């Protein structure tokens, strides 16, 4: 992990398109401003992890449900190999 020190109104450039600016520091709270292209998703880490977990659960549930529906449709149509 790269660790950099910045003061209020100082920035960090990431690549050509992303700039992080320290907007303010108040006690143990730091406010950051982020300039990035609209196609870059930006989330707080805990929100990102929650989204990933929900997506994984939806994919697992969706795949199982789809397989059950397919199995049922094949059996109803009489095209089963059983």
Foldseek 3Di string as FASTA:
>chain_A
DDDDDDAAQDWDDDPPFKIKGFPDDDPPDTDIDIGGDPVDDDDDPVVVVVVVVVVVVCVVVVVVVVVVVVVVVCVVVVNDPD
